[in-house]
Amino acid sequence: MNTNRIAHVAALVGEPARTAMLMALMDGRALTARELADAARITPATASRHLALLVEASLLSVARQGRHRYHRLASPEVARVLEGLMQLSTLPPPVVGPRNASLRTARTCYDHLAGRLGVAVAGHLLEAGAVVFDDDAVTAHVTDRAPAALRGLALQTSVAQADSQGNRPPCRPCLDWSERRMHLAGRLGALICHHCLERGWLQRGQGTRALTITPPGARVLRDWMGTARWRSVVED
């Protein structure tokens, strides 16, 4: 174990401006240095220095498109660490006020669903036997019941096709920081999130990880998971 490396990464993440920029990327999108500077409320020049350090430490990746350089989290593992830090930072369990109601209802956790909606989706798939969380609630696997369980979402793409690159697990439990229960990450979690956004059932907000559930989305998701479970999403 390289304790110096751990301390270095922790110091990078722990600086407030860098923390703000990393949090701004937790919805899985790529942003420019200017956009990240605005998120951190610092000058573009200062943001560029911070971003260079994060890229050097493999916490961020950067790609050039035209005149712009776009930054995103380097991997799902980085997002998982940040989500874990968010969980620790809210101990004991937080009291979520009205300003955070939309985040608690539905939000992105990197590239998968979180909040009450994410927990409800995971709960429905578990109940249907489509996924199974192992006893330690650290690992999970997709069963042969998944295609039938996903049919109600008009989702026919196989999990293997969802993310053919890298070594991401087909599915993985992820502890939801606001609900203190598991939602679903991994390839299947990303697939469901992308599908709901693509169909217009969910919409991203500007400058926030909160997701808006559209009226068509509410109907589809309610019919899919059942009225009782749907109430757990929309009734606080």
C-alpha atoms as a PDB file:
ATOM      1  CA  MET A   1       0.000   0.000   0.000  1.00  0.00           C
ATOM      2  CA  ASN A   2       1.431   3.360  -1.064  1.00  0.00           C
ATOM      3  CA  THR A   3       0.446   5.648   1.803  1.00  0.00           C
ATOM      4  CA  ASN A   4       2.078   8.665   0.145  1.00  0.00           C
ATOM      5  CA  ARG A   5      -0.094   8.156  -2.936  1.00  0.00           C
ATOM      6  CA  ILE A   6      -3.227   7.890  -0.793  1.00  0.00           C
ATOM      7  CA  ALA A   7      -2.301  11.077   1.058  1.00  0.00           C
ATOM      8  CA  HIS A   8      -1.614  12.874  -2.229  1.00  0.00           C
ATOM      9  CA  VAL A   9      -4.989  11.928  -3.743  1.00  0.00           C
ATOM     10  CA  ALA A  10      -6.785  12.823  -0.513  1.00  0.00           C
ATOM     11  CA  ALA A  11      -5.111  16.244  -0.487  1.00  0.00           C
ATOM     12  CA  LEU A  12      -6.110  16.862  -4.091  1.00  0.00           C
ATOM     13  CA  VAL A  13      -9.742  15.971  -3.458  1.00  0.00           C
ATOM     14  CA  GLY A  14      -9.819  17.834  -0.142  1.00  0.00           C
ATOM     15  CA  GLU A  15      -9.087  21.300  -1.531  1.00  0.00           C
ATOM     16  CA  PRO A  16     -12.484  23.112  -1.648  1.00  0.00           C
ATOM     17  CA  ALA A  17     -12.234  24.458  -5.206  1.00  0.00           C
ATOM     18  CA  ARG A  18     -11.136  21.082  -6.562  1.00  0.00           C
ATOM     19  CA  THR A  19     -13.897  19.387  -4.579  1.00  0.00           C
ATOM     20  CA  ALA A  20     -16.463  21.702  -6.180  1.00  0.00           C
ATOM     21  CA  MET A  21     -15.170  20.916  -9.657  1.00  0.00           C
ATOM     22  CA  LEU A  22     -15.213  17.173  -9.021  1.00  0.00           C
ATOM     23  CA  MET A  23     -18.769  17.386  -7.679  1.00  0.00           C
ATOM     24  CA  ALA A  24     -19.825  19.305 -10.802  1.00  0.00           C
ATOM     25  CA  LEU A  25     -18.700  16.316 -12.875  1.00  0.00           C
ATOM     26  CA  MET A  26     -20.588  13.733 -10.835  1.00  0.00           C
ATOM     27  CA  ASP A  27     -23.435  13.666 -13.356  1.00  0.00           C
ATOM     28  CA  GLY A  28     -21.129  11.991 -15.877  1.00  0.00           C
ATOM     29  CA  ARG A  29     -20.902  14.894 -18.311  1.00  0.00           C
ATOM     30  CA  ALA A  30     -17.772  16.625 -19.609  1.00  0.00           C
ATOM     31  CA  LEU A  31     -17.304  20.339 -18.885  1.00  0.00           C
ATOM     32  CA  THR A  32     -14.890  23.019 -20.009  1.00  0.00           C
ATOM     33  CA  ALA A  33     -12.395  24.711 -17.718  1.00  0.00           C
ATOM     34  CA  ARG A  34     -14.538  27.858 -17.810  1.00  0.00           C
ATOM     35  CA  GLU A  35     -17.642  25.950 -16.702  1.00  0.00           C
ATOM     36  CA  LEU A  36     -15.692  24.266 -13.915  1.00  0.00           C
ATOM     37  CA  ALA A  37     -14.208  27.585 -12.827  1.00  0.00           C
ATOM     38  CA  ASP A  38     -17.741  28.962 -12.509  1.00  0.00           C
ATOM     39  CA  ALA A  39     -18.796  25.884 -10.491  1.00  0.00           C
ATOM     40  CA  ALA A  40     -15.887  26.426  -8.106  1.00  0.00           C
ATOM     41  CA  ARG A  41     -16.234  30.243  -8.098  1.00  0.00           C
ATOM     42  CA  ILE A  42     -12.608  30.770  -9.023  1.00  0.00           C
ATOM     43  CA  THR A  43     -10.837  32.405 -11.957  1.00  0.00           C
ATOM     44  CA  PRO A  44     -10.190  30.383 -15.128  1.00  0.00           C
ATOM     45  CA  ALA A  45      -6.430  30.654 -14.572  1.00  0.00           C
ATOM     46  CA  THR A  46      -6.730  29.195 -11.077  1.00  0.00           C
ATOM     47  CA  ALA A  47      -9.070  26.502 -12.365  1.00  0.00           C
ATOM     48  CA  SER A  48      -6.550  25.494 -15.046  1.00  0.00           C
ATOM     49  CA  ARG A  49      -3.869  24.889 -12.399  1.00  0.00           C
ATOM     50  CA  HIS A  50      -6.240  22.800 -10.312  1.00  0.00           C
ATOM     51  CA  LEU A  51      -7.418  20.811 -13.326  1.00  0.00           C
ATOM     52  CA  ALA A  52      -3.856  20.051 -14.396  1.00  0.00           C
ATOM     53  CA  LEU A  53      -3.188  18.501 -10.983  1.00  0.00           C
ATOM     54  CA  LEU A  54      -6.364  16.410 -11.140  1.00  0.00           C
ATOM     55  CA  VAL A  55      -5.532  15.157 -14.629  1.00  0.00           C
ATOM     56  CA  GLU A  56      -1.962  14.355 -13.584  1.00  0.00           C
ATOM     57  CA  ALA A  57      -3.323  12.280 -10.678  1.00  0.00           C
ATOM     58  CA  SER A  58      -5.673  10.375 -13.047  1.00  0.00           C
ATOM     59  CA  LEU A  59      -8.748  11.716 -11.278  1.00  0.00           C
ATOM     60  CA  LEU A  60      -9.865  13.519 -14.433  1.00  0.00           C
ATOM     61  CA  SER A  61      -9.466  12.845 -18.130  1.00  0.00           C
ATOM     62  CA  VAL A  62      -9.409  15.569 -20.754  1.00  0.00           C
ATOM     63  CA  ALA A  63     -10.312  15.590 -24.453  1.00  0.00           C
ATOM     64  CA  ARG A  64      -9.951  18.365 -27.017  1.00  0.00           C
ATOM     65  CA  GLN A  65     -12.849  19.236 -29.307  1.00  0.00           C
ATOM     66  CA  GLY A  66     -12.289  22.213 -31.535  1.00  0.00           C
ATOM     67  CA  ARG A  67     -10.980  25.088 -29.431  1.00  0.00           C
ATOM     68  CA  HIS A  68     -12.221  23.612 -26.182  1.00  0.00           C
ATOM     69  CA  ARG A  69     -10.832  21.080 -23.748  1.00  0.00           C
ATOM     70  CA  TYR A  70     -13.467  19.022 -21.972  1.00  0.00           C
ATOM     71  CA  HIS A  71     -12.876  17.459 -18.573  1.00  0.00           C
ATOM     72  CA  ARG A  72     -14.696  14.487 -17.068  1.00  0.00           C
ATOM     73  CA  LEU A  73     -14.143  12.054 -14.213  1.00  0.00           C
ATOM     74  CA  ALA A  74     -11.486   9.593 -15.275  1.00  0.00           C
ATOM     75  CA  SER A  75     -13.460   6.458 -14.354  1.00  0.00           C
ATOM     76  CA  PRO A  76     -16.462   5.079 -12.468  1.00  0.00           C
ATOM     77  CA  GLU A  77     -14.037   4.231  -9.660  1.00  0.00           C
ATOM     78  CA  VAL A  78     -13.331   7.934  -9.123  1.00  0.00           C
ATOM     79  CA  ALA A  79     -17.072   8.593  -8.939  1.00  0.00           C
ATOM     80  CA  ARG A  80     -17.460   5.757  -6.447  1.00  0.00           C
ATOM     81  CA  VAL A  81     -14.809   7.255  -4.164  1.00  0.00           C
ATOM     82  CA  LEU A  82     -16.467  10.675  -4.336  1.00  0.00           C
ATOM     83  CA  GLU A  83     -19.865   9.172  -3.549  1.00  0.00           C
ATOM     84  CA  GLY A  84     -18.289   7.424  -0.546  1.00  0.00           C
ATOM     85  CA  LEU A  85     -16.879  10.722   0.690  1.00  0.00           C
ATOM     86  CA  MET A  86     -20.318  12.279   0.341  1.00  0.00           C
ATOM     87  CA  GLN A  87     -21.751   9.510   2.504  1.00  0.00           C
ATOM     88  CA  LEU A  88     -19.119  10.092   5.191  1.00  0.00           C
ATOM     89  CA  SER A  89     -19.612  13.844   5.097  1.00  0.00           C
ATOM     90  CA  THR A  90     -23.314  13.527   5.907  1.00  0.00           C
ATOM     91  CA  LEU A  91     -22.954  11.301   8.993  1.00  0.00           C
ATOM     92  CA  PRO A  92     -25.059  11.199  11.099  1.00  0.00           C
ATOM     93  CA  PRO A  93     -27.944  10.804   8.578  1.00  0.00           C
ATOM     94  CA  PRO A  94     -28.776  14.241   7.215  1.00  0.00           C
ATOM     95  CA  VAL A  95     -32.017  16.103   7.495  1.00  0.00           C
ATOM     96  CA  VAL A  96     -32.776  16.959   3.894  1.00  0.00           C
ATOM     97  CA  GLY A  97     -34.418  20.368   3.617  1.00  0.00           C
ATOM     98  CA  PRO A  98     -36.779  21.665   0.953  1.00  0.00           C
ATOM     99  CA  ARG A  99     -33.935  22.980  -1.192  1.00  0.00           C
ATOM    100  CA  ASN A 100     -32.628  19.416  -1.538  1.00  0.00           C
ATOM    101  CA  ALA A 101     -35.969  17.735  -2.197  1.00  0.00           C
ATOM    102  CA  SER A 102     -35.340  17.367  -5.929  1.00  0.00           C
ATOM    103  CA  LEU A 103     -31.924  15.792  -5.320  1.00  0.00           C
ATOM    104  CA  ARG A 104     -33.421  13.335  -2.909  1.00  0.00           C
ATOM    105  CA  THR A 105     -36.202  12.362  -5.333  1.00  0.00           C
ATOM    106  CA  ALA A 106     -34.044  11.620  -8.377  1.00  0.00           C
ATOM    107  CA  ARG A 107     -30.491  12.454  -9.366  1.00  0.00           C
ATOM    108  CA  THR A 108     -27.530  11.024 -11.202  1.00  0.00           C
ATOM    109  CA  CYS A 109     -24.691   9.322  -9.371  1.00  0.00           C
ATOM    110  CA  TYR A 110     -22.073   9.593 -12.104  1.00  0.00           C
ATOM    111  CA  ASP A 111     -23.857   7.620 -14.860  1.00  0.00           C
ATOM    112  CA  HIS A 112     -26.598   5.797 -12.938  1.00  0.00           C
ATOM    113  CA  LEU A 113     -29.769   6.689 -11.029  1.00  0.00           C
ATOM    114  CA  ALA A 114     -29.759   7.670  -7.363  1.00  0.00           C
ATOM    115  CA  GLY A 115     -32.143   9.116  -4.821  1.00  0.00           C
ATOM    116  CA  ARG A 116     -35.534   7.596  -4.091  1.00  0.00           C
ATOM    117  CA  LEU A 117     -35.986   6.750  -7.770  1.00  0.00           C
ATOM    118  CA  GLY A 118     -32.680   4.887  -7.966  1.00  0.00           C
ATOM    119  CA  VAL A 119     -33.459   2.945  -4.795  1.00  0.00           C
ATOM    120  CA  ALA A 120     -36.937   2.078  -6.107  1.00  0.00           C
ATOM    121  CA  VAL A 121     -35.546   0.839  -9.434  1.00  0.00           C
ATOM    122  CA  ALA A 122     -33.046  -1.363  -7.596  1.00  0.00           C
ATOM    123  CA  GLY A 123     -35.768  -2.631  -5.272  1.00  0.00           C
ATOM    124  CA  HIS A 124     -38.024  -3.604  -8.168  1.00  0.00           C
ATOM    125  CA  LEU A 125     -35.240  -5.463  -9.980  1.00  0.00           C
ATOM    126  CA  LEU A 126     -34.308  -7.291  -6.786  1.00  0.00           C
ATOM    127  CA  GLU A 127     -37.923  -8.275  -6.161  1.00  0.00           C
ATOM    128  CA  ALA A 128     -38.252  -9.489  -9.755  1.00  0.00           C
ATOM    129  CA  GLY A 129     -35.121 -11.605  -9.350  1.00  0.00           C
ATOM    130  CA  ALA A 130     -33.453  -9.735 -12.200  1.00  0.00           C
ATOM    131  CA  VAL A 131     -30.450  -8.869 -10.032  1.00  0.00           C
ATOM    132  CA  VAL A 132     -29.120 -10.425  -6.848  1.00  0.00           C
ATOM    133  CA  PHE A 133     -27.004  -8.613  -4.286  1.00  0.00           C
ATOM    134  CA  ASP A 134     -24.547 -10.868  -2.519  1.00  0.00           C
ATOM    135  CA  ASP A 135     -24.662 -11.211   1.250  1.00  0.00           C
ATOM    136  CA  ASP A 136     -21.972  -8.591   1.771  1.00  0.00           C
ATOM    137  CA  ALA A 137     -23.945  -6.078  -0.367  1.00  0.00           C
ATOM    138  CA  VAL A 138     -20.677  -5.222  -2.109  1.00  0.00           C
ATOM    139  CA  THR A 139     -21.073  -7.312  -5.245  1.00  0.00           C
ATOM    140  CA  ALA A 140     -24.048  -8.325  -7.357  1.00  0.00           C
ATOM    141  CA  HIS A 141     -24.939 -10.206 -10.510  1.00  0.00           C
ATOM    142  CA  VAL A 142     -27.580 -10.090 -13.224  1.00  0.00           C
ATOM    143  CA  THR A 143     -29.809 -13.164 -13.635  1.00  0.00           C
ATOM    144  CA  ASP A 144     -31.575 -14.650 -16.638  1.00  0.00           C
ATOM    145  CA  ARG A 145     -34.777 -12.955 -15.416  1.00  0.00           C
ATOM    146  CA  ALA A 146     -33.387  -9.526 -16.343  1.00  0.00           C
ATOM    147  CA  PRO A 147     -34.700  -9.412 -19.950  1.00  0.00           C
ATOM    148  CA  ALA A 148     -38.278 -10.096 -18.803  1.00  0.00           C
ATOM    149  CA  ALA A 149     -37.990  -7.565 -15.945  1.00  0.00           C
ATOM    150  CA  LEU A 150     -36.696  -4.853 -18.288  1.00  0.00           C
ATOM    151  CA  ARG A 151     -39.301  -5.454 -20.961  1.00  0.00           C
ATOM    152  CA  GLY A 152     -41.707  -3.069 -19.246  1.00  0.00           C
ATOM    153  CA  LEU A 153     -39.222  -0.274 -19.911  1.00  0.00           C
ATOM    154  CA  ALA A 154     -39.010  -1.241 -23.589  1.00  0.00           C
ATOM    155  CA  LEU A 155     -35.381  -2.019 -22.861  1.00  0.00           C
ATOM    156  CA  GLN A 156     -34.092  -4.850 -24.991  1.00  0.00           C
ATOM    157  CA  THR A 157     -30.385  -4.113 -25.199  1.00  0.00           C
ATOM    158  CA  SER A 158     -28.396  -6.749 -23.352  1.00  0.00           C
ATOM    159  CA  VAL A 159     -26.250  -5.798 -20.402  1.00  0.00           C
ATOM    160  CA  ALA A 160     -23.180  -7.000 -22.258  1.00  0.00           C
ATOM    161  CA  GLN A 161     -23.895  -4.493 -25.037  1.00  0.00           C
ATOM    162  CA  ALA A 162     -24.446  -1.657 -22.590  1.00  0.00           C
ATOM    163  CA  ASP A 163     -20.764  -1.077 -21.975  1.00  0.00           C
ATOM    164  CA  SER A 164     -18.500  -3.249 -24.057  1.00  0.00           C
ATOM    165  CA  GLN A 165     -15.365  -1.353 -23.083  1.00  0.00           C
ATOM    166  CA  GLY A 166     -13.418  -1.608 -19.866  1.00  0.00           C
ATOM    167  CA  ASN A 167     -13.875  -3.994 -16.981  1.00  0.00           C
ATOM    168  CA  ARG A 168     -16.972  -2.589 -15.297  1.00  0.00           C
ATOM    169  CA  PRO A 169     -19.144  -5.186 -13.557  1.00  0.00           C
ATOM    170  CA  PRO A 170     -22.580  -5.897 -15.062  1.00  0.00           C
ATOM    171  CA  CYS A 171     -24.135  -4.466 -11.904  1.00  0.00           C
ATOM    172  CA  ARG A 172     -22.970  -3.313  -8.493  1.00  0.00           C
ATOM    173  CA  PRO A 173     -24.710  -2.140  -5.310  1.00  0.00           C
ATOM    174  CA  CYS A 174     -24.013   1.515  -4.518  1.00  0.00           C
ATOM    175  CA  LEU A 175     -25.024   2.956  -1.150  1.00  0.00           C
ATOM    176  CA  ASP A 176     -27.274   5.966  -1.658  1.00  0.00           C
ATOM    177  CA  TRP A 177     -26.045   8.844   0.514  1.00  0.00           C
ATOM    178  CA  SER A 178     -29.508  10.354   1.060  1.00  0.00           C
ATOM    179  CA  GLU A 179     -31.580   7.175   1.383  1.00  0.00           C
ATOM    180  CA  ARG A 180     -29.003   4.977   3.162  1.00  0.00           C
ATOM    181  CA  ARG A 181     -30.087   2.068   0.968  1.00  0.00           C
ATOM    182  CA  MET A 182     -28.616   0.559  -2.170  1.00  0.00           C
ATOM    183  CA  HIS A 183     -29.204   1.761  -5.682  1.00  0.00           C
ATOM    184  CA  LEU A 184     -27.796   0.095  -8.793  1.00  0.00           C
ATOM    185  CA  ALA A 185     -24.505   0.978 -10.461  1.00  0.00           C
ATOM    186  CA  GLY A 186     -22.400  -0.870 -13.038  1.00  0.00           C
ATOM    187  CA  ARG A 187     -23.289  -1.467 -16.685  1.00  0.00           C
ATOM    188  CA  LEU A 188     -26.960  -2.187 -15.999  1.00  0.00           C
ATOM    189  CA  GLY A 189     -27.388   0.925 -13.845  1.00  0.00           C
ATOM    190  CA  ALA A 190     -25.822   3.096 -16.540  1.00  0.00           C
ATOM    191  CA  LEU A 191     -27.964   1.473 -19.219  1.00  0.00           C
ATOM    192  CA  ILE A 192     -31.231   2.158 -17.378  1.00  0.00           C
ATOM    193  CA  CYS A 193     -30.269   5.779 -16.670  1.00  0.00           C
ATOM    194  CA  HIS A 194     -29.257   6.442 -20.280  1.00  0.00           C
ATOM    195  CA  HIS A 195     -32.424   4.783 -21.585  1.00  0.00           C
ATOM    196  CA  CYS A 196     -34.705   6.886 -19.367  1.00  0.00           C
ATOM    197  CA  LEU A 197     -32.953  10.094 -20.419  1.00  0.00           C
ATOM    198  CA  GLU A 198     -33.019   9.127 -24.091  1.00  0.00           C
ATOM    199  CA  ARG A 199     -36.755   8.366 -23.953  1.00  0.00           C
ATOM    200  CA  GLY A 200     -37.455  11.708 -22.282  1.00  0.00           C
ATOM    201  CA  TRP A 201     -38.788  10.075 -19.115  1.00  0.00           C
ATOM    202  CA  LEU A 202     -36.142  11.940 -17.141  1.00  0.00           C
ATOM    203  CA  GLN A 203     -34.614  15.339 -17.828  1.00  0.00           C
ATOM    204  CA  ARG A 204     -31.373  16.829 -16.570  1.00  0.00           C
ATOM    205  CA  GLY A 205     -31.382  20.127 -14.721  1.00  0.00           C
ATOM    206  CA  GLN A 206     -29.039  22.993 -15.460  1.00  0.00           C
ATOM    207  CA  GLY A 207     -26.082  23.017 -13.079  1.00  0.00           C
ATOM    208  CA  THR A 208     -27.423  20.256 -10.846  1.00  0.00           C
ATOM    209  CA  ARG A 209     -27.429  16.472 -10.606  1.00  0.00           C
ATOM    210  CA  ALA A 210     -31.164  16.524  -9.924  1.00  0.00           C
ATOM    211  CA  LEU A 211     -33.362  14.832 -12.512  1.00  0.00           C
ATOM    212  CA  THR A 212     -36.924  15.840 -13.348  1.00  0.00           C
ATOM    213  CA  ILE A 213     -39.387  12.994 -13.866  1.00  0.00           C
ATOM    214  CA  THR A 214     -41.586  13.978 -16.817  1.00  0.00           C
ATOM    215  CA  PRO A 215     -45.313  13.079 -16.963  1.00  0.00           C
ATOM    216  CA  PRO A 216     -44.700  10.321 -19.573  1.00  0.00           C
ATOM    217  CA  GLY A 217     -41.832   9.044 -17.444  1.00  0.00           C
ATOM    218  CA  ALA A 218     -43.999   8.990 -14.342  1.00  0.00           C
ATOM    219  CA  ARG A 219     -46.600   6.879 -16.126  1.00  0.00           C
ATOM    220  CA  VAL A 220     -44.079   4.398 -17.522  1.00  0.00           C
ATOM    221  CA  LEU A 221     -42.102   4.032 -14.299  1.00  0.00           C
ATOM    222  CA  ARG A 222     -45.232   3.755 -12.140  1.00  0.00           C
ATOM    223  CA  ASP A 223     -46.690   1.047 -14.373  1.00  0.00           C
ATOM    224  CA  TRP A 224     -43.352  -0.771 -14.442  1.00  0.00           C
ATOM    225  CA  MET A 225     -42.542  -0.841 -10.736  1.00  0.00           C
ATOM    226  CA  GLY A 226     -46.103  -0.787  -9.379  1.00  0.00           C
ATOM    227  CA  THR A 227     -48.111   1.876  -7.591  1.00  0.00           C
ATOM    228  CA  ALA A 228     -46.954   0.998  -4.068  1.00  0.00           C
ATOM    229  CA  ARG A 229     -43.265   1.295  -4.887  1.00  0.00           C
ATOM    230  CA  TRP A 230     -43.875   4.403  -6.990  1.00  0.00           C
ATOM    231  CA  ARG A 231     -45.369   6.138  -3.961  1.00  0.00           C
ATOM    232  CA  SER A 232     -42.002   5.740  -2.217  1.00  0.00           C
ATOM    233  CA  VAL A 233     -40.495   7.860  -4.997  1.00  0.00           C
ATOM    234  CA  VAL A 234     -42.999  10.716  -5.168  1.00  0.00           C
ATOM    235  CA  GLU A 235     -44.209  10.912  -1.554  1.00  0.00           C
ATOM    236  CA  ASP A 236     -41.670  12.335   0.875  1.00  0.00           C
END
